[in-house]
Amino acid sequence: MRVTLERKNDNYLLEAKGASGIPVMIDNKSSETVQGSSPMELILMGVGGCSAIDIIHILKKQRQTISSYKVEVEGERFELDDSKPFKAMKVVVYLEGEITPEKAQRAADLSFQKYCSVSKTFDRVVAITYTISLNGKEL
């Protein structure tokens, strides 16, 4: 796997591309006019996106009908020398549709404990917790 990043202005704005060629804009959140996501936001998006793909795939294979899928990922950081890495992430998955609660929970468990390469990358250094809200009720 390989990505490229190219500077697009005189400050911090970068255009990143992976194999698809679809650009993702990255910027420093302290810029006057922010034109992209920060690298730390992209990490949270990666955890949310990876688990979403897994969970949706698993539920579709189980013939569950998803009418809405939303995920929120919140990262907690700490001071380490001159950096602020994540020490914890909290993921909340909001599912709506004709989905059995046990299948929703099992799909999330499989994603976070077995399949999601992004969250597994951080397994030993970042505490990642997750909850499922199915049709407005927390499981």
N, C-alpha and C. Protein backbone atom coordinates (compact mmCIF):
# COMPACT_ATOMS: atom_id res chain seq x y z
N MET A 1 0.84 -1.17 0.00
CA MET A 1 0.00 0.00 0.00
C MET A 1 0.89 1.24 0.00
N ARG A 2 0.47 2.22 -0.78
CA ARG A 2 1.28 3.43 -0.92
C ARG A 2 0.36 4.63 -1.13
N VAL A 3 0.72 5.76 -0.54
CA VAL A 3 0.01 7.01 -0.77
C VAL A 3 1.02 8.09 -1.13
N THR A 4 0.54 9.15 -1.78
CA THR A 4 1.39 10.30 -2.07
C THR A 4 0.73 11.54 -1.51
N LEU A 5 1.54 12.49 -1.11
CA LEU A 5 1.05 13.78 -0.61
C LEU A 5 1.80 14.87 -1.35
N GLU A 6 1.06 15.89 -1.78
CA GLU A 6 1.66 17.01 -2.49
C GLU A 6 1.19 18.32 -1.87
N ARG A 7 2.14 19.19 -1.58
CA ARG A 7 1.82 20.50 -1.02
C ARG A 7 1.09 21.33 -2.06
N LYS A 8 -0.03 22.01 -1.63
CA LYS A 8 -0.86 22.73 -2.57
C LYS A 8 -0.90 24.24 -2.36
N ASN A 9 -0.27 24.75 -1.31
CA ASN A 9 -0.21 26.20 -1.10
C ASN A 9 1.11 26.54 -0.40
N ASP A 10 1.23 27.79 0.03
CA ASP A 10 2.46 28.20 0.70
C ASP A 10 2.47 27.86 2.18
N ASN A 11 1.40 27.25 2.68
CA ASN A 11 1.34 26.87 4.09
C ASN A 11 1.36 25.36 4.23
N TYR A 12 0.31 24.80 4.83
CA TYR A 12 0.32 23.39 5.21
C TYR A 12 -0.63 22.50 4.40
N LEU A 13 -1.37 23.09 3.48
CA LEU A 13 -2.36 22.32 2.74
C LEU A 13 -1.70 21.26 1.86
N LEU A 14 -2.13 20.02 2.05
CA LEU A 14 -1.60 18.90 1.28
C LEU A 14 -2.74 18.16 0.60
N GLU A 15 -2.47 17.65 -0.58
CA GLU A 15 -3.41 16.78 -1.27
C GLU A 15 -2.82 15.38 -1.22
N ALA A 16 -3.56 14.47 -0.60
CA ALA A 16 -3.12 13.09 -0.49
C ALA A 16 -3.93 12.22 -1.44
N LYS A 17 -3.27 11.23 -2.04
CA LYS A 17 -3.94 10.29 -2.93
C LYS A 17 -3.43 8.89 -2.67
N GLY A 18 -4.37 7.96 -2.71
CA GLY A 18 -4.03 6.54 -2.62
C GLY A 18 -4.19 5.92 -3.99
N ALA A 19 -4.34 4.62 -4.03
CA ALA A 19 -4.43 3.88 -5.29
C ALA A 19 -5.63 4.31 -6.13
N SER A 20 -6.72 4.77 -5.49
CA SER A 20 -7.91 5.18 -6.25
C SER A 20 -7.69 6.49 -7.00
N GLY A 21 -6.73 7.29 -6.55
CA GLY A 21 -6.49 8.59 -7.16
C GLY A 21 -7.43 9.68 -6.67
N ILE A 22 -8.34 9.35 -5.78
CA ILE A 22 -9.28 10.33 -5.24
C ILE A 22 -8.56 11.17 -4.18
N PRO A 23 -8.57 12.49 -4.33
CA PRO A 23 -7.82 13.33 -3.40
C PRO A 23 -8.50 13.50 -2.04
N VAL A 24 -7.67 13.58 -1.02
CA VAL A 24 -8.09 13.90 0.34
C VAL A 24 -7.24 15.09 0.77
N MET A 25 -7.90 16.14 1.21
CA MET A 25 -7.16 17.34 1.61
C MET A 25 -6.80 17.27 3.09
N ILE A 26 -5.55 17.60 3.38
CA ILE A 26 -5.03 17.59 4.75
C ILE A 26 -4.48 18.98 5.04
N ASP A 27 -4.79 19.50 6.21
CA ASP A 27 -4.35 20.85 6.55
C ASP A 27 -4.04 20.92 8.04
N ASN A 28 -3.35 21.96 8.41
CA ASN A 28 -3.06 22.26 9.81
C ASN A 28 -4.26 23.02 10.35
N LYS A 29 -4.85 22.53 11.44
CA LYS A 29 -6.05 23.17 11.96
C LYS A 29 -5.82 24.58 12.47
N SER A 30 -4.57 25.00 12.62
CA SER A 30 -4.30 26.36 13.06
C SER A 30 -4.13 27.33 11.89
N SER A 31 -4.30 26.85 10.66
CA SER A 31 -4.22 27.72 9.49
C SER A 31 -5.36 28.74 9.53
N GLU A 32 -5.16 29.88 8.86
CA GLU A 32 -6.19 30.91 8.82
C GLU A 32 -7.50 30.38 8.25
N THR A 33 -7.42 29.77 7.10
CA THR A 33 -8.58 29.16 6.48
C THR A 33 -8.27 27.68 6.27
N VAL A 34 -8.81 26.86 7.13
CA VAL A 34 -8.56 25.42 7.07
C VAL A 34 -9.28 24.84 5.86
N GLN A 35 -8.54 24.09 5.04
CA GLN A 35 -9.11 23.53 3.81
C GLN A 35 -9.05 22.01 3.77
N GLY A 36 -8.79 21.41 4.91
CA GLY A 36 -8.73 19.96 4.95
C GLY A 36 -8.78 19.45 6.37
N SER A 37 -8.81 18.16 6.51
CA SER A 37 -8.81 17.53 7.83
C SER A 37 -7.39 17.47 8.37
N SER A 38 -7.28 17.47 9.69
CA SER A 38 -5.95 17.32 10.30
C SER A 38 -5.55 15.85 10.26
N PRO A 39 -4.26 15.57 10.34
CA PRO A 39 -3.83 14.17 10.37
C PRO A 39 -4.46 13.37 11.52
N MET A 40 -4.64 14.00 12.68
CA MET A 40 -5.25 13.29 13.80
C MET A 40 -6.73 13.01 13.55
N GLU A 41 -7.42 13.93 12.89
CA GLU A 41 -8.81 13.67 12.50
C GLU A 41 -8.89 12.51 11.52
N LEU A 42 -7.93 12.44 10.61
CA LEU A 42 -7.92 11.35 9.64
C LEU A 42 -7.74 9.99 10.31
N ILE A 43 -6.99 9.95 11.40
CA ILE A 43 -6.86 8.69 12.14
C ILE A 43 -8.21 8.26 12.69
N LEU A 44 -8.93 9.21 13.29
CA LEU A 44 -10.26 8.89 13.82
C LEU A 44 -11.20 8.47 12.69
N MET A 45 -11.13 9.15 11.56
CA MET A 45 -11.94 8.79 10.40
C MET A 45 -11.59 7.39 9.91
N GLY A 46 -10.31 7.04 9.96
CA GLY A 46 -9.87 5.72 9.54
C GLY A 46 -10.47 4.63 10.41
N VAL A 47 -10.48 4.84 11.73
CA VAL A 47 -11.08 3.86 12.63
C VAL A 47 -12.58 3.74 12.35
N GLY A 48 -13.26 4.88 12.20
CA GLY A 48 -14.69 4.86 11.94
C GLY A 48 -15.03 4.25 10.59
N GLY A 49 -14.25 4.58 9.58
CA GLY A 49 -14.50 4.06 8.24
C GLY A 49 -14.21 2.58 8.12
N CYS A 50 -13.13 2.14 8.70
CA CYS A 50 -12.76 0.72 8.64
C CYS A 50 -13.80 -0.14 9.33
N SER A 51 -14.20 0.27 10.52
CA SER A 51 -15.21 -0.52 11.25
C SER A 51 -16.55 -0.46 10.53
N ALA A 52 -16.89 0.67 9.92
CA ALA A 52 -18.16 0.79 9.18
C ALA A 52 -18.20 -0.20 8.02
N ILE A 53 -17.13 -0.28 7.28
CA ILE A 53 -17.07 -1.21 6.15
C ILE A 53 -17.25 -2.64 6.63
N ASP A 54 -16.56 -3.00 7.72
CA ASP A 54 -16.70 -4.35 8.28
C ASP A 54 -18.13 -4.63 8.73
N ILE A 55 -18.68 -3.73 9.54
CA ILE A 55 -20.00 -3.95 10.12
C ILE A 55 -21.07 -4.03 9.03
N ILE A 56 -21.02 -3.13 8.08
CA ILE A 56 -21.99 -3.15 6.98
C ILE A 56 -21.86 -4.46 6.19
N HIS A 57 -20.63 -4.85 5.90
CA HIS A 57 -20.39 -6.10 5.15
C HIS A 57 -20.96 -7.31 5.89
N ILE A 58 -20.68 -7.40 7.17
CA ILE A 58 -21.14 -8.54 7.98
C ILE A 58 -22.67 -8.56 8.04
N LEU A 59 -23.29 -7.42 8.28
CA LEU A 59 -24.75 -7.37 8.37
C LEU A 59 -25.41 -7.67 7.03
N LYS A 60 -24.82 -7.21 5.94
CA LYS A 60 -25.37 -7.53 4.62
C LYS A 60 -25.30 -9.03 4.35
N LYS A 61 -24.19 -9.65 4.73
CA LYS A 61 -24.06 -11.10 4.54
C LYS A 61 -25.10 -11.86 5.36
N GLN A 62 -25.52 -11.28 6.48
CA GLN A 62 -26.52 -11.90 7.33
C GLN A 62 -27.94 -11.49 6.94
N ARG A 63 -28.06 -10.82 5.80
CA ARG A 63 -29.35 -10.38 5.25
C ARG A 63 -30.12 -9.45 6.18
N GLN A 64 -29.37 -8.60 6.88
CA GLN A 64 -29.98 -7.57 7.72
C GLN A 64 -30.17 -6.33 6.85
N THR A 65 -31.26 -5.59 7.08
CA THR A 65 -31.57 -4.41 6.28
C THR A 65 -31.16 -3.15 7.05
N ILE A 66 -30.14 -2.46 6.55
CA ILE A 66 -29.64 -1.23 7.17
C ILE A 66 -30.27 -0.05 6.44
N SER A 67 -31.07 0.74 7.16
CA SER A 67 -31.66 1.92 6.53
C SER A 67 -30.83 3.17 6.81
N SER A 68 -30.03 3.14 7.87
CA SER A 68 -29.18 4.28 8.21
C SER A 68 -27.97 3.78 8.99
N TYR A 69 -26.80 4.35 8.68
CA TYR A 69 -25.57 4.02 9.40
C TYR A 69 -24.83 5.32 9.65
N LYS A 70 -24.48 5.54 10.89
CA LYS A 70 -23.70 6.72 11.27
C LYS A 70 -22.73 6.28 12.36
N VAL A 71 -21.56 6.87 12.36
CA VAL A 71 -20.58 6.54 13.40
C VAL A 71 -19.93 7.82 13.89
N GLU A 72 -19.72 7.90 15.18
CA GLU A 72 -18.98 9.02 15.78
C GLU A 72 -17.76 8.43 16.48
N VAL A 73 -16.62 9.05 16.27
CA VAL A 73 -15.38 8.60 16.91
C VAL A 73 -14.77 9.79 17.63
N GLU A 74 -14.56 9.62 18.91
CA GLU A 74 -13.97 10.69 19.72
C GLU A 74 -12.64 10.20 20.26
N GLY A 75 -11.61 11.02 20.08
CA GLY A 75 -10.28 10.65 20.55
C GLY A 75 -9.87 11.47 21.75
N GLU A 76 -9.28 10.80 22.73
CA GLU A 76 -8.74 11.47 23.91
C GLU A 76 -7.23 11.46 23.80
N ARG A 77 -6.63 12.64 23.93
CA ARG A 77 -5.19 12.77 23.76
C ARG A 77 -4.51 13.10 25.07
N PHE A 78 -3.18 12.93 25.09
CA PHE A 78 -2.39 13.30 26.26
C PHE A 78 -1.08 13.91 25.81
N GLU A 79 -0.46 14.66 26.71
CA GLU A 79 0.82 15.31 26.43
C GLU A 79 1.95 14.29 26.58
N LEU A 80 2.77 14.19 25.55
CA LEU A 80 3.94 13.31 25.58
C LEU A 80 5.09 14.08 24.95
N ASP A 81 5.97 14.58 25.78
CA ASP A 81 7.05 15.44 25.30
C ASP A 81 6.43 16.60 24.53
N ASP A 82 6.71 16.72 23.25
CA ASP A 82 6.16 17.81 22.45
C ASP A 82 5.01 17.37 21.54
N SER A 83 4.46 16.20 21.80
CA SER A 83 3.37 15.70 20.95
C SER A 83 2.13 15.41 21.79
N LYS A 84 1.05 15.10 21.12
CA LYS A 84 -0.21 14.77 21.79
C LYS A 84 -0.85 13.55 21.12
N PRO A 85 -0.32 12.36 21.38
CA PRO A 85 -0.90 11.16 20.78
C PRO A 85 -2.24 10.81 21.44
N PHE A 86 -2.97 9.92 20.80
CA PHE A 86 -4.21 9.43 21.38
C PHE A 86 -3.89 8.43 22.48
N LYS A 87 -4.67 8.50 23.55
CA LYS A 87 -4.57 7.46 24.58
C LYS A 87 -5.84 6.62 24.60
N ALA A 88 -6.93 7.16 24.06
CA ALA A 88 -8.19 6.41 24.02
C ALA A 88 -9.05 6.92 22.87
N MET A 89 -9.91 6.04 22.38
CA MET A 89 -10.91 6.40 21.38
C MET A 89 -12.23 5.76 21.79
N LYS A 90 -13.29 6.52 21.63
CA LYS A 90 -14.62 6.01 21.90
C LYS A 90 -15.42 6.06 20.61
N VAL A 91 -15.95 4.92 20.20
CA VAL A 91 -16.70 4.81 18.96
C VAL A 91 -18.16 4.52 19.30
N VAL A 92 -19.06 5.29 18.70
CA VAL A 92 -20.48 5.02 18.85
C VAL A 92 -21.04 4.79 17.45
N VAL A 93 -21.60 3.60 17.25
CA VAL A 93 -22.19 3.22 15.96
C VAL A 93 -23.70 3.35 16.08
N TYR A 94 -24.29 4.15 15.19
CA TYR A 94 -25.74 4.34 15.17
C TYR A 94 -26.30 3.60 13.96
N LEU A 95 -27.03 2.53 14.24
CA LEU A 95 -27.65 1.72 13.20
C LEU A 95 -29.16 1.86 13.26
N GLU A 96 -29.78 1.90 12.09
CA GLU A 96 -31.23 1.85 12.01
C GLU A 96 -31.60 0.86 10.92
N GLY A 97 -32.70 0.17 11.13
CA GLY A 97 -33.19 -0.76 10.13
C GLY A 97 -33.71 -2.03 10.77
N GLU A 98 -33.96 -3.00 9.92
CA GLU A 98 -34.43 -4.31 10.38
C GLU A 98 -33.22 -5.17 10.68
N ILE A 99 -32.71 -4.99 11.89
CA ILE A 99 -31.45 -5.62 12.31
C ILE A 99 -31.68 -6.26 13.67
N THR A 100 -31.30 -7.51 13.79
CA THR A 100 -31.39 -8.21 15.06
C THR A 100 -30.31 -7.66 15.99
N PRO A 101 -30.65 -7.28 17.23
CA PRO A 101 -29.65 -6.72 18.15
C PRO A 101 -28.40 -7.60 18.31
N GLU A 102 -28.59 -8.91 18.41
CA GLU A 102 -27.45 -9.82 18.59
C GLU A 102 -26.53 -9.78 17.37
N LYS A 103 -27.12 -9.66 16.18
CA LYS A 103 -26.30 -9.61 14.97
C LYS A 103 -25.55 -8.28 14.86
N ALA A 104 -26.18 -7.21 15.30
CA ALA A 104 -25.51 -5.90 15.30
C ALA A 104 -24.32 -5.92 16.25
N GLN A 105 -24.53 -6.45 17.44
CA GLN A 105 -23.44 -6.51 18.43
C GLN A 105 -22.33 -7.43 17.95
N ARG A 106 -22.70 -8.56 17.38
CA ARG A 106 -21.70 -9.52 16.89
C ARG A 106 -20.87 -8.92 15.76
N ALA A 107 -21.53 -8.17 14.87
CA ALA A 107 -20.81 -7.53 13.77
C ALA A 107 -19.79 -6.53 14.30
N ALA A 108 -20.18 -5.75 15.29
CA ALA A 108 -19.25 -4.78 15.88
C ALA A 108 -18.11 -5.49 16.59
N ASP A 109 -18.44 -6.54 17.34
CA ASP A 109 -17.39 -7.30 18.04
C ASP A 109 -16.38 -7.87 17.05
N LEU A 110 -16.88 -8.46 15.97
CA LEU A 110 -15.97 -9.02 14.96
C LEU A 110 -15.10 -7.93 14.33
N SER A 111 -15.70 -6.79 14.05
CA SER A 111 -14.92 -5.70 13.44
C SER A 111 -13.79 -5.26 14.36
N PHE A 112 -14.14 -4.87 15.58
CA PHE A 112 -13.13 -4.29 16.47
C PHE A 112 -12.17 -5.30 17.05
N GLN A 113 -12.60 -6.53 17.21
CA GLN A 113 -11.74 -7.53 17.84
C GLN A 113 -10.97 -8.39 16.85
N LYS A 114 -11.41 -8.38 15.56
CA LYS A 114 -10.77 -9.30 14.63
C LYS A 114 -10.40 -8.67 13.28
N TYR A 115 -11.31 -7.93 12.64
CA TYR A 115 -11.13 -7.56 11.24
C TYR A 115 -10.58 -6.17 10.96
N CYS A 116 -10.95 -5.17 11.74
CA CYS A 116 -10.60 -3.78 11.40
C CYS A 116 -9.09 -3.54 11.56
N SER A 117 -8.40 -3.50 10.45
CA SER A 117 -6.94 -3.32 10.47
C SER A 117 -6.52 -2.00 11.10
N VAL A 118 -7.34 -0.98 10.95
CA VAL A 118 -6.97 0.32 11.51
C VAL A 118 -7.01 0.27 13.03
N SER A 119 -8.12 -0.20 13.60
CA SER A 119 -8.17 -0.26 15.06
C SER A 119 -7.18 -1.29 15.61
N LYS A 120 -6.96 -2.38 14.87
CA LYS A 120 -5.98 -3.36 15.32
C LYS A 120 -4.56 -2.77 15.32
N THR A 121 -4.30 -1.81 14.45
CA THR A 121 -2.99 -1.15 14.42
C THR A 121 -2.70 -0.46 15.75
N PHE A 122 -3.75 0.05 16.39
CA PHE A 122 -3.58 0.80 17.64
C PHE A 122 -3.84 -0.04 18.88
N ASP A 123 -4.18 -1.30 18.70
CA ASP A 123 -4.58 -2.19 19.79
C ASP A 123 -3.74 -2.08 21.06
N ARG A 124 -2.46 -2.06 20.92
CA ARG A 124 -1.58 -2.14 22.09
C ARG A 124 -1.26 -0.78 22.71
N VAL A 125 -1.65 0.30 22.05
CA VAL A 125 -1.27 1.61 22.58
C VAL A 125 -2.45 2.56 22.81
N VAL A 126 -3.61 2.26 22.23
CA VAL A 126 -4.78 3.13 22.37
C VAL A 126 -5.96 2.26 22.80
N ALA A 127 -6.61 2.65 23.89
CA ALA A 127 -7.80 1.93 24.35
C ALA A 127 -8.98 2.35 23.48
N ILE A 128 -9.51 1.40 22.70
CA ILE A 128 -10.65 1.70 21.83
C ILE A 128 -11.87 0.99 22.40
N THR A 129 -12.88 1.78 22.74
CA THR A 129 -14.14 1.23 23.21
C THR A 129 -15.22 1.56 22.19
N TYR A 130 -16.26 0.75 22.16
CA TYR A 130 -17.33 0.96 21.19
C TYR A 130 -18.67 0.57 21.77
N THR A 131 -19.70 1.28 21.33
CA THR A 131 -21.07 0.95 21.70
C THR A 131 -21.92 1.01 20.44
N ILE A 132 -23.05 0.31 20.50
CA ILE A 132 -23.97 0.26 19.37
C ILE A 132 -25.29 0.86 19.82
N SER A 133 -25.83 1.74 19.01
CA SER A 133 -27.19 2.24 19.19
C SER A 133 -28.00 1.71 18.02
N LEU A 134 -28.99 0.86 18.32
CA LEU A 134 -29.80 0.25 17.28
C LEU A 134 -31.23 0.79 17.38
N ASN A 135 -31.65 1.48 16.33
CA ASN A 135 -32.99 2.07 16.30
C ASN A 135 -33.28 2.92 17.55
N GLY A 136 -32.26 3.69 17.94
CA GLY A 136 -32.41 4.61 19.06
C GLY A 136 -32.19 4.03 20.45
N LYS A 137 -31.87 2.75 20.53
CA LYS A 137 -31.64 2.11 21.82
C LYS A 137 -30.23 1.57 21.90
N GLU A 138 -29.52 1.93 22.99
CA GLU A 138 -28.15 1.44 23.16
C GLU A 138 -28.17 -0.04 23.52
N LEU A 139 -27.32 -0.79 22.84
CA LEU A 139 -27.22 -2.24 23.14
C LEU A 139 -26.26 -2.48 24.28
